[in-house]
Amino acid sequence: GPRLTTIRLPALKGVALTGDFEGVVTIGAAFDTKPAYTS
C-alpha cells in the first residue's frame, strides 16, 4: 500500500504507514474536520 499519500475525499485527506516496529504496525489517517467514525 501507500507509504504516504494525499487523498481528496470529503472526509479522508491522507494516509500513511507510520510504523512497522517491534510487532506493531501503525497507520495514520488525516482529516480537515474532527472525524466521526465506526470500525
PDB file of all heavy atoms in Angstrom:
ATOM      1  N   GLY A   1       0.815  -1.212   0.000  1.00  0.00           N
ATOM      2  CA  GLY A   1       0.000   0.000   0.000  1.00  0.00           C
ATOM      3  C   GLY A   1       0.844   1.255   0.000  1.00  0.00           C
ATOM      4  O   GLY A   1       2.072   1.215  -0.090  1.00  0.00           O
ATOM      5  N   PRO A   2       0.183   2.406   0.138  1.00  0.00           N
ATOM      6  CA  PRO A   2       0.892   3.684   0.120  1.00  0.00           C
ATOM      7  C   PRO A   2       1.701   3.890   1.404  1.00  0.00           C
ATOM      8  O   PRO A   2       1.271   3.517   2.481  1.00  0.00           O
ATOM      9  CB  PRO A   2      -0.230   4.714   0.021  1.00  0.00           C
ATOM     10  CG  PRO A   2      -1.391   4.033   0.680  1.00  0.00           C
ATOM     11  CD  PRO A   2      -1.258   2.583   0.342  1.00  0.00           C
ATOM     12  N   ARG A   3       2.858   4.481   1.255  1.00  0.00           N
ATOM     13  CA  ARG A   3       3.675   4.855   2.416  1.00  0.00           C
ATOM     14  C   ARG A   3       3.230   6.218   2.936  1.00  0.00           C
ATOM     15  O   ARG A   3       3.224   6.464   4.125  1.00  0.00           O
ATOM     16  CB  ARG A   3       5.154   4.916   2.039  1.00  0.00           C
ATOM     17  CG  ARG A   3       5.689   3.622   1.501  1.00  0.00           C
ATOM     18  CD  ARG A   3       6.144   2.751   2.596  1.00  0.00           C
ATOM     19  NE  ARG A   3       6.541   1.453   2.063  1.00  0.00           N
ATOM     20  CZ  ARG A   3       6.815   0.445   2.830  1.00  0.00           C
ATOM     21  NH1 ARG A   3       6.751   0.562   4.121  1.00  0.00           N
ATOM     22  NH2 ARG A   3       7.149  -0.709   2.312  1.00  0.00           N
ATOM     23  N   LEU A   4       2.863   7.094   2.014  1.00  0.00           N
ATOM     24  CA  LEU A   4       2.408   8.444   2.348  1.00  0.00           C
ATOM     25  C   LEU A   4       1.669   8.973   1.129  1.00  0.00           C
ATOM     26  O   LEU A   4       2.249   9.064   0.046  1.00  0.00           O
ATOM     27  CB  LEU A   4       3.608   9.343   2.671  1.00  0.00           C
ATOM     28  CG  LEU A   4       3.311  10.805   2.960  1.00  0.00           C
ATOM     29  CD1 LEU A   4       2.627  10.957   4.311  1.00  0.00           C
ATOM     30  CD2 LEU A   4       4.608  11.605   2.958  1.00  0.00           C
ATOM     31  N   THR A   5       0.398   9.292   1.306  1.00  0.00           N
ATOM     32  CA  THR A   5      -0.360   9.790   0.155  1.00  0.00           C
ATOM     33  C   THR A   5      -1.447  10.761   0.597  1.00  0.00           C
ATOM     34  O   THR A   5      -2.063  10.580   1.643  1.00  0.00           O
ATOM     35  CB  THR A   5      -0.968   8.623  -0.665  1.00  0.00           C
ATOM     36  OG1 THR A   5      -1.479   9.118  -1.884  1.00  0.00           O
ATOM     37  CG2 THR A   5      -2.073   7.924   0.085  1.00  0.00           C
ATOM     38  N   THR A   6      -1.629  11.776  -0.218  1.00  0.00           N
ATOM     39  CA  THR A   6      -2.712  12.737  -0.009  1.00  0.00           C
ATOM     40  C   THR A   6      -3.950  12.214  -0.732  1.00  0.00           C
ATOM     41  O   THR A   6      -3.850  11.685  -1.841  1.00  0.00           O
ATOM     42  CB  THR A   6      -2.310  14.115  -0.565  1.00  0.00           C
ATOM     43  OG1 THR A   6      -1.141  14.544   0.132  1.00  0.00           O
ATOM     44  CG2 THR A   6      -3.412  15.137  -0.385  1.00  0.00           C
ATOM     45  N   ILE A   7      -5.105  12.378  -0.100  1.00  0.00           N
ATOM     46  CA  ILE A   7      -6.379  11.907  -0.655  1.00  0.00           C
ATOM     47  C   ILE A   7      -7.344  13.079  -0.642  1.00  0.00           C
ATOM     48  O   ILE A   7      -7.351  13.878   0.292  1.00  0.00           O
ATOM     49  CB  ILE A   7      -6.926  10.735   0.199  1.00  0.00           C
ATOM     50  CG1 ILE A   7      -5.903   9.599   0.211  1.00  0.00           C
ATOM     51  CG2 ILE A   7      -8.283  10.277  -0.319  1.00  0.00           C
ATOM     52  CD1 ILE A   7      -6.199   8.535   1.234  1.00  0.00           C
ATOM     53  N   ARG A   8      -8.172  13.172  -1.653  1.00  0.00           N
ATOM     54  CA  ARG A   8      -9.125  14.285  -1.732  1.00  0.00           C
ATOM     55  C   ARG A   8     -10.555  13.764  -1.704  1.00  0.00           C
ATOM     56  O   ARG A   8     -11.302  13.905  -2.667  1.00  0.00           O
ATOM     57  CB  ARG A   8      -8.846  15.109  -2.979  1.00  0.00           C
ATOM     58  CG  ARG A   8      -7.552  15.880  -2.863  1.00  0.00           C
ATOM     59  CD  ARG A   8      -7.223  16.689  -4.103  1.00  0.00           C
ATOM     60  NE  ARG A   8      -6.029  17.485  -3.911  1.00  0.00           N
ATOM     61  CZ  ARG A   8      -4.784  17.029  -4.013  1.00  0.00           C
ATOM     62  NH1 ARG A   8      -4.574  15.766  -4.278  1.00  0.00           N
ATOM     63  NH2 ARG A   8      -3.754  17.835  -3.842  1.00  0.00           N
ATOM     64  N   LEU A   9     -10.922  13.161  -0.599  1.00  0.00           N
ATOM     65  CA  LEU A   9     -12.291  12.721  -0.377  1.00  0.00           C
ATOM     66  C   LEU A   9     -12.953  13.705   0.590  1.00  0.00           C
ATOM     67  O   LEU A   9     -12.259  14.507   1.224  1.00  0.00           O
ATOM     68  CB  LEU A   9     -12.309  11.302   0.195  1.00  0.00           C
ATOM     69  CG  LEU A   9     -11.880  10.188  -0.771  1.00  0.00           C
ATOM     70  CD1 LEU A   9     -11.780   8.853  -0.042  1.00  0.00           C
ATOM     71  CD2 LEU A   9     -12.838  10.074  -1.943  1.00  0.00           C
ATOM     72  N   PRO A  10     -14.274  13.661   0.729  1.00  0.00           N
ATOM     73  CA  PRO A  10     -14.935  14.615   1.632  1.00  0.00           C
ATOM     74  C   PRO A  10     -14.407  14.586   3.070  1.00  0.00           C
ATOM     75  O   PRO A  10     -14.256  15.627   3.696  1.00  0.00           O
ATOM     76  CB  PRO A  10     -16.403  14.214   1.563  1.00  0.00           C
ATOM     77  CG  PRO A  10     -16.560  13.618   0.195  1.00  0.00           C
ATOM     78  CD  PRO A  10     -15.260  12.890  -0.045  1.00  0.00           C
ATOM     79  N   ALA A  11     -14.108  13.401   3.607  1.00  0.00           N
ATOM     80  CA  ALA A  11     -13.595  13.320   4.984  1.00  0.00           C
ATOM     81  C   ALA A  11     -12.099  13.017   5.012  1.00  0.00           C
ATOM     82  O   ALA A  11     -11.326  13.726   5.635  1.00  0.00           O
ATOM     83  CB  ALA A  11     -14.356  12.266   5.776  1.00  0.00           C
ATOM     84  N   LEU A  12     -11.679  11.967   4.342  1.00  0.00           N
ATOM     85  CA  LEU A  12     -10.303  11.481   4.386  1.00  0.00           C
ATOM     86  C   LEU A  12      -9.383  12.325   3.499  1.00  0.00           C
ATOM     87  O   LEU A  12      -9.641  12.489   2.313  1.00  0.00           O
ATOM     88  CB  LEU A  12     -10.273  10.017   3.943  1.00  0.00           C
ATOM     89  CG  LEU A  12      -8.952   9.278   4.040  1.00  0.00           C
ATOM     90  CD1 LEU A  12      -8.457   9.214   5.490  1.00  0.00           C
ATOM     91  CD2 LEU A  12      -9.105   7.875   3.459  1.00  0.00           C
ATOM     92  N   LYS A  13      -8.313  12.851   4.099  1.00  0.00           N
ATOM     93  CA  LYS A  13      -7.392  13.735   3.379  1.00  0.00           C
ATOM     94  C   LYS A  13      -6.007  13.142   3.164  1.00  0.00           C
ATOM     95  O   LYS A  13      -5.226  13.656   2.380  1.00  0.00           O
ATOM     96  CB  LYS A  13      -7.261  15.080   4.112  1.00  0.00           C
ATOM     97  CG  LYS A  13      -8.583  15.816   4.239  1.00  0.00           C
ATOM     98  CD  LYS A  13      -9.207  16.042   2.885  1.00  0.00           C
ATOM     99  CE  LYS A  13     -10.563  16.699   2.998  1.00  0.00           C
ATOM    100  NZ  LYS A  13     -11.245  16.790   1.713  1.00  0.00           N
ATOM    101  N   GLY A  14      -5.690  12.077   3.876  1.00  0.00           N
ATOM    102  CA  GLY A  14      -4.389  11.465   3.677  1.00  0.00           C
ATOM    103  C   GLY A  14      -4.224  10.210   4.506  1.00  0.00           C
ATOM    104  O   GLY A  14      -4.914  10.013   5.511  1.00  0.00           O
ATOM    105  N   VAL A  15      -3.281   9.358   4.065  1.00  0.00           N
ATOM    106  CA  VAL A  15      -2.981   8.104   4.751  1.00  0.00           C
ATOM    107  C   VAL A  15      -1.481   7.882   4.697  1.00  0.00           C
ATOM    108  O   VAL A  15      -0.830   8.188   3.699  1.00  0.00           O
ATOM    109  CB  VAL A  15      -3.697   6.912   4.078  1.00  0.00           C
ATOM    110  CG1 VAL A  15      -3.263   5.589   4.663  1.00  0.00           C
ATOM    111  CG2 VAL A  15      -5.194   7.049   4.184  1.00  0.00           C
ATOM    112  N   ALA A  16      -0.937   7.322   5.781  1.00  0.00           N
ATOM    113  CA  ALA A  16       0.485   6.983   5.810  1.00  0.00           C
ATOM    114  C   ALA A  16       0.714   5.733   6.638  1.00  0.00           C
ATOM    115  O   ALA A  16       0.049   5.522   7.657  1.00  0.00           O
ATOM    116  CB  ALA A  16       1.286   8.133   6.402  1.00  0.00           C
ATOM    117  N   LEU A  17       1.661   4.909   6.191  1.00  0.00           N
ATOM    118  CA  LEU A  17       2.161   3.823   7.020  1.00  0.00           C
ATOM    119  C   LEU A  17       3.175   4.489   7.949  1.00  0.00           C
ATOM    120  O   LEU A  17       4.212   4.969   7.499  1.00  0.00           O
ATOM    121  CB  LEU A  17       2.839   2.756   6.166  1.00  0.00           C
ATOM    122  CG  LEU A  17       3.483   1.610   6.947  1.00  0.00           C
ATOM    123  CD1 LEU A  17       2.418   0.771   7.645  1.00  0.00           C
ATOM    124  CD2 LEU A  17       4.315   0.742   6.020  1.00  0.00           C
ATOM    125  N   THR A  18       2.856   4.567   9.219  1.00  0.00           N
ATOM    126  CA  THR A  18       3.717   5.304  10.148  1.00  0.00           C
ATOM    127  C   THR A  18       4.633   4.401  10.958  1.00  0.00           C
ATOM    128  O   THR A  18       5.551   4.897  11.614  1.00  0.00           O
ATOM    129  CB  THR A  18       2.888   6.190  11.101  1.00  0.00           C
ATOM    130  OG1 THR A  18       1.981   5.353  11.832  1.00  0.00           O
ATOM    131  CG2 THR A  18       2.109   7.237  10.324  1.00  0.00           C
ATOM    132  N   GLY A  19       4.404   3.090  10.914  1.00  0.00           N
ATOM    133  CA  GLY A  19       5.298   2.219  11.646  1.00  0.00           C
ATOM    134  C   GLY A  19       5.118   0.756  11.382  1.00  0.00           C
ATOM    135  O   GLY A  19       4.020   0.286  11.102  1.00  0.00           O
ATOM    136  N   ASP A  20       6.232   0.060  11.459  1.00  0.00           N
ATOM    137  CA  ASP A  20       6.308  -1.394  11.422  1.00  0.00           C
ATOM    138  C   ASP A  20       7.463  -1.706  12.363  1.00  0.00           C
ATOM    139  O   ASP A  20       8.593  -1.909  11.948  1.00  0.00           O
ATOM    140  CB  ASP A  20       6.586  -1.874   9.999  1.00  0.00           C
ATOM    141  CG  ASP A  20       6.754  -3.385   9.910  1.00  0.00           C
ATOM    142  OD1 ASP A  20       6.401  -4.093  10.872  1.00  0.00           O
ATOM    143  OD2 ASP A  20       7.250  -3.861   8.863  1.00  0.00           O
ATOM    144  N   PHE A  21       7.170  -1.649  13.654  1.00  0.00           N
ATOM    145  CA  PHE A  21       8.224  -1.596  14.657  1.00  0.00           C
ATOM    146  C   PHE A  21       7.836  -2.422  15.871  1.00  0.00           C
ATOM    147  O   PHE A  21       6.755  -2.228  16.428  1.00  0.00           O
ATOM    148  CB  PHE A  21       8.429  -0.117  15.040  1.00  0.00           C
ATOM    149  CG  PHE A  21       9.600   0.173  15.920  1.00  0.00           C
ATOM    150  CD1 PHE A  21      10.895   0.026  15.465  1.00  0.00           C
ATOM    151  CD2 PHE A  21       9.389   0.614  17.213  1.00  0.00           C
ATOM    152  CE1 PHE A  21      11.973   0.312  16.287  1.00  0.00           C
ATOM    153  CE2 PHE A  21      10.459   0.911  18.042  1.00  0.00           C
ATOM    154  CZ  PHE A  21      11.759   0.755  17.571  1.00  0.00           C
ATOM    155  N   GLU A  22       8.690  -3.368  16.242  1.00  0.00           N
ATOM    156  CA  GLU A  22       8.519  -4.169  17.451  1.00  0.00           C
ATOM    157  C   GLU A  22       7.139  -4.827  17.559  1.00  0.00           C
ATOM    158  O   GLU A  22       6.485  -4.783  18.596  1.00  0.00           O
ATOM    159  CB  GLU A  22       8.836  -3.353  18.695  1.00  0.00           C
ATOM    160  CG  GLU A  22      10.291  -2.933  18.755  1.00  0.00           C
ATOM    161  CD  GLU A  22      10.672  -2.210  20.027  1.00  0.00           C
ATOM    162  OE1 GLU A  22       9.774  -1.802  20.796  1.00  0.00           O
ATOM    163  OE2 GLU A  22      11.875  -2.047  20.249  1.00  0.00           O
ATOM    164  N   GLY A  23       6.684  -5.414  16.449  1.00  0.00           N
ATOM    165  CA  GLY A  23       5.436  -6.160  16.466  1.00  0.00           C
ATOM    166  C   GLY A  23       4.174  -5.331  16.394  1.00  0.00           C
ATOM    167  O   GLY A  23       3.086  -5.844  16.626  1.00  0.00           O
ATOM    168  N   VAL A  24       4.321  -4.048  16.069  1.00  0.00           N
ATOM    169  CA  VAL A  24       3.167  -3.156  15.938  1.00  0.00           C
ATOM    170  C   VAL A  24       3.236  -2.473  14.583  1.00  0.00           C
ATOM    171  O   VAL A  24       4.270  -1.901  14.226  1.00  0.00           O
ATOM    172  CB  VAL A  24       3.130  -2.087  17.054  1.00  0.00           C
ATOM    173  CG1 VAL A  24       1.915  -1.183  16.893  1.00  0.00           C
ATOM    174  CG2 VAL A  24       3.151  -2.736  18.426  1.00  0.00           C
ATOM    175  N   VAL A  25       2.144  -2.544  13.837  1.00  0.00           N
ATOM    176  CA  VAL A  25       2.027  -1.793  12.582  1.00  0.00           C
ATOM    177  C   VAL A  25       1.072  -0.647  12.843  1.00  0.00           C
ATOM    178  O   VAL A  25      -0.032  -0.852  13.364  1.00  0.00           O
ATOM    179  CB  VAL A  25       1.518  -2.671  11.427  1.00  0.00           C
ATOM    180  CG1 VAL A  25       1.279  -1.838  10.172  1.00  0.00           C
ATOM    181  CG2 VAL A  25       2.514  -3.796  11.141  1.00  0.00           C
ATOM    182  N   THR A  26       1.511   0.578  12.513  1.00  0.00           N
ATOM    183  CA  THR A  26       0.645   1.748  12.703  1.00  0.00           C
ATOM    184  C   THR A  26       0.413   2.441  11.371  1.00  0.00           C
ATOM    185  O   THR A  26       1.298   2.524  10.525  1.00  0.00           O
ATOM    186  CB  THR A  26       1.236   2.747  13.719  1.00  0.00           C
ATOM    187  OG1 THR A  26       2.574   3.046  13.357  1.00  0.00           O
ATOM    188  CG2 THR A  26       1.198   2.188  15.128  1.00  0.00           C
ATOM    189  N   ILE A  27      -0.810   2.942  11.250  1.00  0.00           N
ATOM    190  CA  ILE A  27      -1.246   3.653  10.054  1.00  0.00           C
ATOM    191  C   ILE A  27      -1.880   4.942  10.531  1.00  0.00           C
ATOM    192  O   ILE A  27      -2.673   4.935  11.477  1.00  0.00           O
ATOM    193  CB  ILE A  27      -2.257   2.806   9.263  1.00  0.00           C
ATOM    194  CG1 ILE A  27      -1.568   1.516   8.784  1.00  0.00           C
ATOM    195  CG2 ILE A  27      -2.860   3.592   8.109  1.00  0.00           C
ATOM    196  CD1 ILE A  27      -2.500   0.396   8.507  1.00  0.00           C
ATOM    197  N   GLY A  28      -1.528   6.034   9.888  1.00  0.00           N
ATOM    198  CA  GLY A  28      -2.121   7.316  10.230  1.00  0.00           C
ATOM    199  C   GLY A  28      -3.104   7.755   9.163  1.00  0.00           C
ATOM    200  O   GLY A  28      -2.893   7.514   7.979  1.00  0.00           O
ATOM    201  N   ALA A  29      -4.183   8.391   9.603  1.00  0.00           N
ATOM    202  CA  ALA A  29      -5.187   8.945   8.685  1.00  0.00           C
ATOM    203  C   ALA A  29      -5.416  10.403   9.054  1.00  0.00           C
ATOM    204  O   ALA A  29      -5.465  10.748  10.234  1.00  0.00           O
ATOM    205  CB  ALA A  29      -6.491   8.150   8.780  1.00  0.00           C
ATOM    206  N   ALA A  30      -5.550  11.260   8.037  1.00  0.00           N
ATOM    207  CA  ALA A  30      -5.672  12.707   8.243  1.00  0.00           C
ATOM    208  C   ALA A  30      -7.031  13.216   7.774  1.00  0.00           C
ATOM    209  O   ALA A  30      -7.588  12.726   6.784  1.00  0.00           O
ATOM    210  CB  ALA A  30      -4.563  13.424   7.486  1.00  0.00           C
ATOM    211  N   PHE A  31      -7.534  14.243   8.500  1.00  0.00           N
ATOM    212  CA  PHE A  31      -8.848  14.823   8.228  1.00  0.00           C
ATOM    213  C   PHE A  31      -8.791  16.329   8.452  1.00  0.00           C
ATOM    214  O   PHE A  31      -8.036  16.803   9.297  1.00  0.00           O
ATOM    215  CB  PHE A  31      -9.898  14.218   9.169  1.00  0.00           C
ATOM    216  CG  PHE A  31      -9.879  12.715   9.162  1.00  0.00           C
ATOM    217  CD1 PHE A  31      -9.060  12.007  10.048  1.00  0.00           C
ATOM    218  CD2 PHE A  31     -10.660  12.003   8.270  1.00  0.00           C
ATOM    219  CE1 PHE A  31      -9.023  10.630  10.033  1.00  0.00           C
ATOM    220  CE2 PHE A  31     -10.622  10.612   8.259  1.00  0.00           C
ATOM    221  CZ  PHE A  31      -9.801   9.926   9.145  1.00  0.00           C
ATOM    222  N   ASP A  32      -9.644  17.071   7.736  1.00  0.00           N
ATOM    223  CA  ASP A  32      -9.756  18.521   7.973  1.00  0.00           C
ATOM    224  C   ASP A  32     -10.696  18.828   9.127  1.00  0.00           C
ATOM    225  O   ASP A  32     -10.559  19.852   9.783  1.00  0.00           O
ATOM    226  CB  ASP A  32     -10.258  19.238   6.718  1.00  0.00           C
ATOM    227  CG  ASP A  32      -9.168  19.363   5.658  1.00  0.00           C
ATOM    228  OD1 ASP A  32      -7.972  19.250   6.004  1.00  0.00           O
ATOM    229  OD2 ASP A  32      -9.527  19.576   4.487  1.00  0.00           O
ATOM    230  N   THR A  33     -11.685  17.951   9.349  1.00  0.00           N
ATOM    231  CA  THR A  33     -12.648  18.143  10.438  1.00  0.00           C
ATOM    232  C   THR A  33     -12.555  16.938  11.378  1.00  0.00           C
ATOM    233  O   THR A  33     -12.079  15.865  10.982  1.00  0.00           O
ATOM    234  CB  THR A  33     -14.091  18.271   9.907  1.00  0.00           C
ATOM    235  OG1 THR A  33     -14.419  17.096   9.173  1.00  0.00           O
ATOM    236  CG2 THR A  33     -14.241  19.504   9.018  1.00  0.00           C
ATOM    237  N   LYS A  34     -13.024  17.119  12.603  1.00  0.00           N
ATOM    238  CA  LYS A  34     -12.960  16.043  13.577  1.00  0.00           C
ATOM    239  C   LYS A  34     -13.721  14.828  13.047  1.00  0.00           C
ATOM    240  O   LYS A  34     -14.915  14.926  12.745  1.00  0.00           O
ATOM    241  CB  LYS A  34     -13.546  16.515  14.912  1.00  0.00           C
ATOM    242  CG  LYS A  34     -13.371  15.515  16.016  1.00  0.00           C
ATOM    243  CD  LYS A  34     -13.845  16.081  17.339  1.00  0.00           C
ATOM    244  CE  LYS A  34     -13.639  15.061  18.438  1.00  0.00           C
ATOM    245  NZ  LYS A  34     -14.049  15.585  19.735  1.00  0.00           N
ATOM    246  N   PRO A  35     -13.053  13.683  12.938  1.00  0.00           N
ATOM    247  CA  PRO A  35     -13.710  12.525  12.317  1.00  0.00           C
ATOM    248  C   PRO A  35     -14.704  11.827  13.247  1.00  0.00           C
ATOM    249  O   PRO A  35     -14.414  11.562  14.405  1.00  0.00           O
ATOM    250  CB  PRO A  35     -12.532  11.595  11.997  1.00  0.00           C
ATOM    251  CG  PRO A  35     -11.470  11.975  12.965  1.00  0.00           C
ATOM    252  CD  PRO A  35     -11.649  13.442  13.247  1.00  0.00           C
ATOM    253  N   ALA A  36     -15.884  11.563  12.699  1.00  0.00           N
ATOM    254  CA  ALA A  36     -16.881  10.718  13.371  1.00  0.00           C
ATOM    255  C   ALA A  36     -16.799   9.383  12.648  1.00  0.00           C
ATOM    256  O   ALA A  36     -17.061   9.290  11.450  1.00  0.00           O
ATOM    257  CB  ALA A  36     -18.266  11.324  13.244  1.00  0.00           C
ATOM    258  N   TYR A  37     -16.391   8.349  13.380  1.00  0.00           N
ATOM    259  CA  TYR A  37     -16.088   7.090  12.702  1.00  0.00           C
ATOM    260  C   TYR A  37     -16.654   5.879  13.440  1.00  0.00           C
ATOM    261  O   TYR A  37     -16.956   5.930  14.629  1.00  0.00           O
ATOM    262  CB  TYR A  37     -14.573   6.921  12.536  1.00  0.00           C
ATOM    263  CG  TYR A  37     -13.820   6.859  13.844  1.00  0.00           C
ATOM    264  CD1 TYR A  37     -13.565   5.648  14.466  1.00  0.00           C
ATOM    265  CD2 TYR A  37     -13.352   8.029  14.451  1.00  0.00           C
ATOM    266  CE1 TYR A  37     -12.876   5.588  15.661  1.00  0.00           C
ATOM    267  CE2 TYR A  37     -12.664   7.977  15.643  1.00  0.00           C
ATOM    268  CZ  TYR A  37     -12.428   6.751  16.241  1.00  0.00           C
ATOM    269  OH  TYR A  37     -11.746   6.698  17.430  1.00  0.00           O
ATOM    270  N   THR A  38     -16.776   4.796  12.683  1.00  0.00           N
ATOM    271  CA  THR A  38     -17.084   3.477  13.223  1.00  0.00           C
ATOM    272  C   THR A  38     -16.071   2.514  12.619  1.00  0.00           C
ATOM    273  O   THR A  38     -15.521   2.775  11.545  1.00  0.00           O
ATOM    274  CB  THR A  38     -18.510   3.009  12.866  1.00  0.00           C
ATOM    275  OG1 THR A  38     -18.631   2.962  11.446  1.00  0.00           O
ATOM    276  CG2 THR A  38     -19.558   3.931  13.440  1.00  0.00           C
ATOM    277  N   SER A  39     -15.844   1.417  13.319  1.00  0.00           N
ATOM    278  CA  SER A  39     -14.906   0.434  12.789  1.00  0.00           C
ATOM    279  C   SER A  39     -15.459  -0.968  13.004  1.00  0.00           C
ATOM    280  O   SER A  39     -16.268  -1.201  13.906  1.00  0.00           O
ATOM    281  CB  SER A  39     -13.533   0.582  13.450  1.00  0.00           C
ATOM    282  OG  SER A  39     -13.616   0.304  14.830  1.00  0.00           O
TER     283      SER A  39
END
